[in-house]
Amino acid sequence: WWRTMKASQNPIDAPPPDKVPRPGGDSLFMDKSFSPLDARNTIGPVSSEDNKSRLRLTPAERDGAVWIRIPDLIRMNCGLSHDDPVNLFDDTIEPNDLTQGVVGDCWLLASMACLAEFPDSVVERINPKVRN
């Protein structure tokens, strides 16, 4: 999606990537250009010259890393069953809702915290009432 955008195109106005049906008829969104099974998208060193990972994980942690959907992550962290409903957002969206772990992704969380300064804009773009 980002790779196919024209330089003058606003990312907010860009058409969304194609939805790819998952096995079993599930219509969850999957970006064909960023497959979690593609080796180029795995967590690890940026290049062969870069011996330090951008993500602060040990080799064992990197090898054990898997891509999971946000609802499954919430269920896992909150001790919920697979059938329990989850909410991406509580009553409010605030920058201090975010917490950095050990991965070294402060750049990502900082950008999310900036977006959280505008909660209506977040809800407008990430509709929590629609399953994505």
C-alpha atoms as a PDB file:
ATOM      1  CA  TRP A   1       0.000   0.000   0.000  1.00  0.00           C
ATOM      2  CA  TRP A   2       2.645   2.538   1.015  1.00  0.00           C
ATOM      3  CA  ARG A   3       4.961   1.291  -1.707  1.00  0.00           C
ATOM      4  CA  THR A   4       2.368   1.800  -4.443  1.00  0.00           C
ATOM      5  CA  MET A   5       1.384   5.329  -3.448  1.00  0.00           C
ATOM      6  CA  LYS A   6       2.400   8.271  -5.599  1.00  0.00           C
ATOM      7  CA  ALA A   7       4.679  10.799  -3.913  1.00  0.00           C
ATOM      8  CA  SER A   8       1.974  13.469  -4.079  1.00  0.00           C
ATOM      9  CA  GLN A   9      -0.764  11.204  -2.711  1.00  0.00           C
ATOM     10  CA  ASN A  10      -1.968  11.729   0.853  1.00  0.00           C
ATOM     11  CA  PRO A  11      -1.810   8.388   2.754  1.00  0.00           C
ATOM     12  CA  ILE A  12      -5.196   9.082   4.361  1.00  0.00           C
ATOM     13  CA  ASP A  13      -6.830   9.457   0.922  1.00  0.00           C
ATOM     14  CA  ALA A  14      -5.066   6.479  -0.644  1.00  0.00           C
ATOM     15  CA  PRO A  15      -7.191   3.451  -1.511  1.00  0.00           C
ATOM     16  CA  PRO A  16      -6.843   0.616   1.020  1.00  0.00           C
ATOM     17  CA  PRO A  17      -4.973  -2.553   0.081  1.00  0.00           C
ATOM     18  CA  ASP A  18      -6.993  -5.470  -1.205  1.00  0.00           C
ATOM     19  CA  LYS A  19      -8.756  -7.629   1.323  1.00  0.00           C
ATOM     20  CA  VAL A  20      -7.609 -11.187   1.085  1.00  0.00           C
ATOM     21  CA  PRO A  21     -10.039 -13.840   2.334  1.00  0.00           C
ATOM     22  CA  ARG A  22      -8.476 -16.153   4.869  1.00  0.00           C
ATOM     23  CA  PRO A  23      -8.982 -19.922   4.857  1.00  0.00           C
ATOM     24  CA  GLY A  24     -12.308 -20.879   6.352  1.00  0.00           C
ATOM     25  CA  GLY A  25     -14.180 -17.861   4.989  1.00  0.00           C
ATOM     26  CA  ASP A  26     -12.842 -15.371   7.552  1.00  0.00           C
ATOM     27  CA  SER A  27     -12.865 -11.906   5.998  1.00  0.00           C
ATOM     28  CA  LEU A  28     -10.231 -10.327   8.250  1.00  0.00           C
ATOM     29  CA  PHE A  29      -7.918  -7.926   6.460  1.00  0.00           C
ATOM     30  CA  MET A  30      -4.593  -9.288   5.274  1.00  0.00           C
ATOM     31  CA  ASP A  31      -2.074  -7.134   3.402  1.00  0.00           C
ATOM     32  CA  LYS A  32      -0.732  -9.189   0.484  1.00  0.00           C
ATOM     33  CA  SER A  33       2.392  -7.010   0.324  1.00  0.00           C
ATOM     34  CA  PHE A  34       3.245  -7.700   3.998  1.00  0.00           C
ATOM     35  CA  SER A  35       2.721 -11.374   4.665  1.00  0.00           C
ATOM     36  CA  PRO A  36       3.706 -12.505   8.182  1.00  0.00           C
ATOM     37  CA  LEU A  37       5.098 -15.646   6.555  1.00  0.00           C
ATOM     38  CA  ASP A  38       7.406 -13.719   4.193  1.00  0.00           C
ATOM     39  CA  ALA A  39      11.014 -13.927   5.410  1.00  0.00           C
ATOM     40  CA  ARG A  40      11.585 -10.283   4.420  1.00  0.00           C
ATOM     41  CA  ASN A  41       9.048  -9.216   7.056  1.00  0.00           C
ATOM     42  CA  THR A  42      10.429 -11.202   9.958  1.00  0.00           C
ATOM     43  CA  ILE A  43      11.963  -9.606  13.016  1.00  0.00           C
ATOM     44  CA  GLY A  44      15.721  -9.508  12.758  1.00  0.00           C
ATOM     45  CA  PRO A  45      18.737  -7.505  11.663  1.00  0.00           C
ATOM     46  CA  VAL A  46      18.109  -4.769   9.116  1.00  0.00           C
ATOM     47  CA  SER A  47      20.905  -5.931   6.814  1.00  0.00           C
ATOM     48  CA  SER A  48      23.724  -8.449   6.798  1.00  0.00           C
ATOM     49  CA  GLU A  49      26.101  -5.648   7.862  1.00  0.00           C
ATOM     50  CA  ASP A  50      23.882  -4.744  10.817  1.00  0.00           C
ATOM     51  CA  ASN A  51      24.693  -7.165  13.620  1.00  0.00           C
ATOM     52  CA  LYS A  52      22.461  -5.301  16.060  1.00  0.00           C
ATOM     53  CA  SER A  53      18.763  -5.786  15.603  1.00  0.00           C
ATOM     54  CA  ARG A  54      16.619  -2.668  15.510  1.00  0.00           C
ATOM     55  CA  LEU A  55      14.355  -4.528  17.876  1.00  0.00           C
ATOM     56  CA  ARG A  56      15.979  -5.268  21.205  1.00  0.00           C
ATOM     57  CA  LEU A  57      15.374  -9.002  21.217  1.00  0.00           C
ATOM     58  CA  THR A  58      17.743 -11.872  21.788  1.00  0.00           C
ATOM     59  CA  PRO A  59      18.159 -14.341  18.910  1.00  0.00           C
ATOM     60  CA  ALA A  60      16.004 -16.848  20.840  1.00  0.00           C
ATOM     61  CA  GLU A  61      13.263 -14.237  21.313  1.00  0.00           C
ATOM     62  CA  ARG A  62      13.422 -13.339  17.616  1.00  0.00           C
ATOM     63  CA  ASP A  63      13.151 -17.003  16.630  1.00  0.00           C
ATOM     64  CA  GLY A  64      10.102 -17.421  18.878  1.00  0.00           C
ATOM     65  CA  ALA A  65       8.332 -14.268  17.667  1.00  0.00           C
ATOM     66  CA  VAL A  66       5.052 -14.729  15.818  1.00  0.00           C
ATOM     67  CA  TRP A  67       2.551 -12.312  14.257  1.00  0.00           C
ATOM     68  CA  ILE A  68      -0.810 -12.267  16.009  1.00  0.00           C
ATOM     69  CA  ARG A  69      -3.877 -10.101  15.628  1.00  0.00           C
ATOM     70  CA  ILE A  70      -4.582  -7.375  18.194  1.00  0.00           C
ATOM     71  CA  PRO A  71      -7.740  -9.051  19.641  1.00  0.00           C
ATOM     72  CA  ASP A  72      -5.733 -12.234  20.252  1.00  0.00           C
ATOM     73  CA  LEU A  73      -2.948 -10.219  21.917  1.00  0.00           C
ATOM     74  CA  ILE A  74      -5.477  -8.496  24.185  1.00  0.00           C
ATOM     75  CA  ARG A  75      -7.063 -11.839  25.107  1.00  0.00           C
ATOM     76  CA  MET A  76      -3.650 -13.355  25.835  1.00  0.00           C
ATOM     77  CA  ASN A  77      -2.495 -10.415  27.994  1.00  0.00           C
ATOM     78  CA  CYS A  78      -5.802 -10.222  29.889  1.00  0.00           C
ATOM     79  CA  GLY A  79      -6.247 -13.971  30.388  1.00  0.00           C
ATOM     80  CA  LEU A  80      -9.453 -14.104  28.330  1.00  0.00           C
ATOM     81  CA  SER A  81     -10.772 -17.074  26.390  1.00  0.00           C
ATOM     82  CA  HIS A  82     -10.836 -17.140  22.585  1.00  0.00           C
ATOM     83  CA  ASP A  83     -14.591 -16.423  22.605  1.00  0.00           C
ATOM     84  CA  ASP A  84     -14.468 -13.412  24.944  1.00  0.00           C
ATOM     85  CA  PRO A  85     -15.201 -10.099  23.205  1.00  0.00           C
ATOM     86  CA  VAL A  86     -12.445  -7.477  23.375  1.00  0.00           C
ATOM     87  CA  ASN A  87     -12.297  -3.741  22.794  1.00  0.00           C
ATOM     88  CA  LEU A  88      -9.378  -2.024  21.153  1.00  0.00           C
ATOM     89  CA  PHE A  89     -10.201   1.181  23.015  1.00  0.00           C
ATOM     90  CA  ASP A  90     -11.738   1.811  26.420  1.00  0.00           C
ATOM     91  CA  ASP A  91     -13.893   4.886  27.045  1.00  0.00           C
ATOM     92  CA  THR A  92     -11.148   7.292  26.005  1.00  0.00           C
ATOM     93  CA  ILE A  93      -8.066   7.327  23.795  1.00  0.00           C
ATOM     94  CA  GLU A  94      -5.097   9.027  25.443  1.00  0.00           C
ATOM     95  CA  PRO A  95      -1.338   9.119  24.753  1.00  0.00           C
ATOM     96  CA  ASN A  96      -0.549   7.550  28.134  1.00  0.00           C
ATOM     97  CA  ASP A  97      -2.667   4.494  27.251  1.00  0.00           C
ATOM     98  CA  LEU A  98       0.464   3.209  25.511  1.00  0.00           C
ATOM     99  CA  THR A  99       3.269   1.395  27.293  1.00  0.00           C
ATOM    100  CA  GLN A 100       6.626   0.458  25.858  1.00  0.00           C
ATOM    101  CA  GLY A 101       7.823  -3.063  26.420  1.00  0.00           C
ATOM    102  CA  VAL A 102      11.311  -4.445  25.907  1.00  0.00           C
ATOM    103  CA  VAL A 103      11.224  -4.587  22.128  1.00  0.00           C
ATOM    104  CA  GLY A 104      12.802  -1.168  21.538  1.00  0.00           C
ATOM    105  CA  ASP A 105       9.908   0.205  19.534  1.00  0.00           C
ATOM    106  CA  CYS A 106       9.802   3.660  21.139  1.00  0.00           C
ATOM    107  CA  TRP A 107       9.679   5.275  17.675  1.00  0.00           C
ATOM    108  CA  LEU A 108       6.439   3.417  16.942  1.00  0.00           C
ATOM    109  CA  LEU A 109       4.864   4.150  20.317  1.00  0.00           C
ATOM    110  CA  ALA A 110       5.871   7.815  20.093  1.00  0.00           C
ATOM    111  CA  SER A 111       4.052   8.141  16.769  1.00  0.00           C
ATOM    112  CA  MET A 112       0.994   6.357  18.190  1.00  0.00           C
ATOM    113  CA  ALA A 113       1.028   8.679  21.214  1.00  0.00           C
ATOM    114  CA  CYS A 114       1.043  11.669  18.852  1.00  0.00           C
ATOM    115  CA  LEU A 115      -1.992  10.245  17.045  1.00  0.00           C
ATOM    116  CA  ALA A 116      -3.719   9.626  20.381  1.00  0.00           C
ATOM    117  CA  GLU A 117      -3.667  13.390  20.966  1.00  0.00           C
ATOM    118  CA  PHE A 118      -6.521  13.441  18.422  1.00  0.00           C
ATOM    119  CA  PRO A 119      -8.879  10.642  19.581  1.00  0.00           C
ATOM    120  CA  ASP A 120     -11.714  11.553  17.201  1.00  0.00           C
ATOM    121  CA  SER A 121      -9.334  11.232  14.278  1.00  0.00           C
ATOM    122  CA  VAL A 122      -8.175   7.822  15.523  1.00  0.00           C
ATOM    123  CA  VAL A 123     -11.753   6.539  15.846  1.00  0.00           C
ATOM    124  CA  GLU A 124     -12.571   7.956  12.409  1.00  0.00           C
ATOM    125  CA  ARG A 125      -9.727   5.989  10.816  1.00  0.00           C
ATOM    126  CA  ILE A 126      -9.776   2.871  12.998  1.00  0.00           C
ATOM    127  CA  ASN A 127     -13.431   2.137  13.523  1.00  0.00           C
ATOM    128  CA  PRO A 128     -13.498   0.004  16.673  1.00  0.00           C
ATOM    129  CA  LYS A 129     -17.095  -1.047  16.019  1.00  0.00           C
ATOM    130  CA  VAL A 130     -16.179  -2.755  12.735  1.00  0.00           C
ATOM    131  CA  ARG A 131     -14.121  -5.919  12.712  1.00  0.00           C
ATOM    132  CA  ASN A 132     -10.904  -5.226  10.781  1.00  0.00           C
END
